[in-house]
Amino acid sequence: MENTGDPIHLRETRNFGDQGPYFTLSHCWGQSHPFRLTKDTVSTLKAGIPITQLPKTFQDAILVAQYFQVKYLWIDSL
């Protein structure tokens, strides 16, 4: 699997309706919190960011979802 190069975008579930299947990623954070949704990051995430700016675990989960042609991924920190 390889990255398509397309940016990823945050989608809010409020008023989202039934958009089809999605995958989920939940993981143990440990001592660090490398990337998460905050008031400071929400507008950037909605506008779209390159997958390469995300932690490797997130990148891998996105690539797996793309491989299975699942359009949406819910990540517990986002």
C-alpha atoms as a PDB file:
ATOM      1  CA  MET A   1       0.000   0.000   0.000  1.00  0.00           C
ATOM      2  CA  GLU A   2       1.217   3.472  -0.711  1.00  0.00           C
ATOM      3  CA  ASN A   3       0.003   6.964   0.071  1.00  0.00           C
ATOM      4  CA  THR A   4      -2.157   8.576  -2.587  1.00  0.00           C
ATOM      5  CA  GLY A   5      -0.692  11.977  -1.727  1.00  0.00           C
ATOM      6  CA  ASP A   6      -4.142  13.483  -1.236  1.00  0.00           C
ATOM      7  CA  PRO A   7      -4.624  15.545   1.917  1.00  0.00           C
ATOM      8  CA  ILE A   8      -6.926  14.215   4.602  1.00  0.00           C
ATOM      9  CA  HIS A   9      -9.740  16.325   6.081  1.00  0.00           C
ATOM     10  CA  LEU A  10     -11.490  16.360   9.419  1.00  0.00           C
ATOM     11  CA  ARG A  11     -15.221  15.732   9.074  1.00  0.00           C
ATOM     12  CA  GLU A  12     -17.526  16.439  11.993  1.00  0.00           C
ATOM     13  CA  THR A  13     -20.165  13.796  12.671  1.00  0.00           C
ATOM     14  CA  ARG A  14     -22.768  16.388  13.592  1.00  0.00           C
ATOM     15  CA  ASN A  15     -25.164  16.705  10.608  1.00  0.00           C
ATOM     16  CA  PHE A  16     -23.116  14.071   8.814  1.00  0.00           C
ATOM     17  CA  GLY A  17     -25.875  11.544   8.206  1.00  0.00           C
ATOM     18  CA  ASP A  18     -25.219   8.024   6.970  1.00  0.00           C
ATOM     19  CA  GLN A  19     -22.060   8.266   4.887  1.00  0.00           C
ATOM     20  CA  GLY A  20     -21.310   4.560   4.744  1.00  0.00           C
ATOM     21  CA  PRO A  21     -18.879   2.307   6.596  1.00  0.00           C
ATOM     22  CA  TYR A  22     -15.892   3.568   8.553  1.00  0.00           C
ATOM     23  CA  PHE A  23     -12.896   2.115  10.392  1.00  0.00           C
ATOM     24  CA  THR A  24     -11.826   3.109  13.896  1.00  0.00           C
ATOM     25  CA  LEU A  25      -8.436   3.538  15.524  1.00  0.00           C
ATOM     26  CA  SER A  26      -8.059   3.549  19.275  1.00  0.00           C
ATOM     27  CA  HIS A  27      -4.698   3.178  20.900  1.00  0.00           C
ATOM     28  CA  CYS A  28      -2.749   3.595  24.120  1.00  0.00           C
ATOM     29  CA  TRP A  29      -1.169   7.026  24.272  1.00  0.00           C
ATOM     30  CA  GLY A  30       1.431   6.383  26.944  1.00  0.00           C
ATOM     31  CA  GLN A  31       3.259   9.509  28.069  1.00  0.00           C
ATOM     32  CA  SER A  32       3.094  11.476  24.803  1.00  0.00           C
ATOM     33  CA  HIS A  33       0.247  12.948  22.781  1.00  0.00           C
ATOM     34  CA  PRO A  34       1.838  13.589  19.384  1.00  0.00           C
ATOM     35  CA  PHE A  35      -1.190  14.833  17.477  1.00  0.00           C
ATOM     36  CA  ARG A  36      -4.743  15.548  18.534  1.00  0.00           C
ATOM     37  CA  LEU A  37      -7.751  17.707  17.827  1.00  0.00           C
ATOM     38  CA  THR A  38      -7.723  20.965  19.774  1.00  0.00           C
ATOM     39  CA  LYS A  39      -9.156  24.434  19.305  1.00  0.00           C
ATOM     40  CA  ASP A  40      -5.814  25.364  17.738  1.00  0.00           C
ATOM     41  CA  THR A  41      -5.753  22.478  15.202  1.00  0.00           C
ATOM     42  CA  VAL A  42      -9.409  22.185  14.161  1.00  0.00           C
ATOM     43  CA  SER A  43      -9.341  24.702  11.289  1.00  0.00           C
ATOM     44  CA  THR A  44      -6.125  23.233   9.887  1.00  0.00           C
ATOM     45  CA  LEU A  45      -7.547  19.714  10.027  1.00  0.00           C
ATOM     46  CA  LYS A  46     -10.790  20.782   8.346  1.00  0.00           C
ATOM     47  CA  ALA A  47      -8.865  22.527   5.559  1.00  0.00           C
ATOM     48  CA  GLY A  48      -6.814  19.381   4.960  1.00  0.00           C
ATOM     49  CA  ILE A  49      -3.290  18.283   5.755  1.00  0.00           C
ATOM     50  CA  PRO A  50      -0.875  15.910   4.050  1.00  0.00           C
ATOM     51  CA  ILE A  51      -0.937  12.404   5.493  1.00  0.00           C
ATOM     52  CA  THR A  52       2.825  12.725   6.061  1.00  0.00           C
ATOM     53  CA  GLN A  53       2.204  15.285   8.829  1.00  0.00           C
ATOM     54  CA  LEU A  54       0.406  12.659  10.910  1.00  0.00           C
ATOM     55  CA  PRO A  55       2.012  10.115  13.242  1.00  0.00           C
ATOM     56  CA  LYS A  56       3.023   6.844  11.550  1.00  0.00           C
ATOM     57  CA  THR A  57       0.238   4.892  13.296  1.00  0.00           C
ATOM     58  CA  PHE A  58      -2.369   7.272  11.848  1.00  0.00           C
ATOM     59  CA  GLN A  59      -0.762   7.061   8.407  1.00  0.00           C
ATOM     60  CA  ASP A  60      -0.873   3.265   8.512  1.00  0.00           C
ATOM     61  CA  ALA A  61      -4.534   3.255   9.581  1.00  0.00           C
ATOM     62  CA  ILE A  62      -5.420   5.619   6.712  1.00  0.00           C
ATOM     63  CA  LEU A  63      -3.599   3.417   4.213  1.00  0.00           C
ATOM     64  CA  VAL A  64      -5.411   0.306   5.478  1.00  0.00           C
ATOM     65  CA  ALA A  65      -8.767   2.098   5.155  1.00  0.00           C
ATOM     66  CA  GLN A  66      -7.841   3.173   1.613  1.00  0.00           C
ATOM     67  CA  TYR A  67      -6.803  -0.370   0.745  1.00  0.00           C
ATOM     68  CA  PHE A  68     -10.247  -1.646   1.770  1.00  0.00           C
ATOM     69  CA  GLN A  69     -11.886   1.322   0.007  1.00  0.00           C
ATOM     70  CA  VAL A  70     -13.352   2.628   3.256  1.00  0.00           C
ATOM     71  CA  LYS A  71     -13.712   6.373   2.934  1.00  0.00           C
ATOM     72  CA  TYR A  72     -13.830   7.329   6.614  1.00  0.00           C
ATOM     73  CA  LEU A  73     -11.632   6.656   9.644  1.00  0.00           C
ATOM     74  CA  TRP A  74     -12.506   7.600  13.208  1.00  0.00           C
ATOM     75  CA  ILE A  75      -9.430   8.192  15.396  1.00  0.00           C
ATOM     76  CA  ASP A  76     -10.101   8.595  19.110  1.00  0.00           C
ATOM     77  CA  SER A  77      -7.805  11.610  19.504  1.00  0.00           C
ATOM     78  CA  LEU A  78      -9.342  13.379  16.538  1.00  0.00           C
END
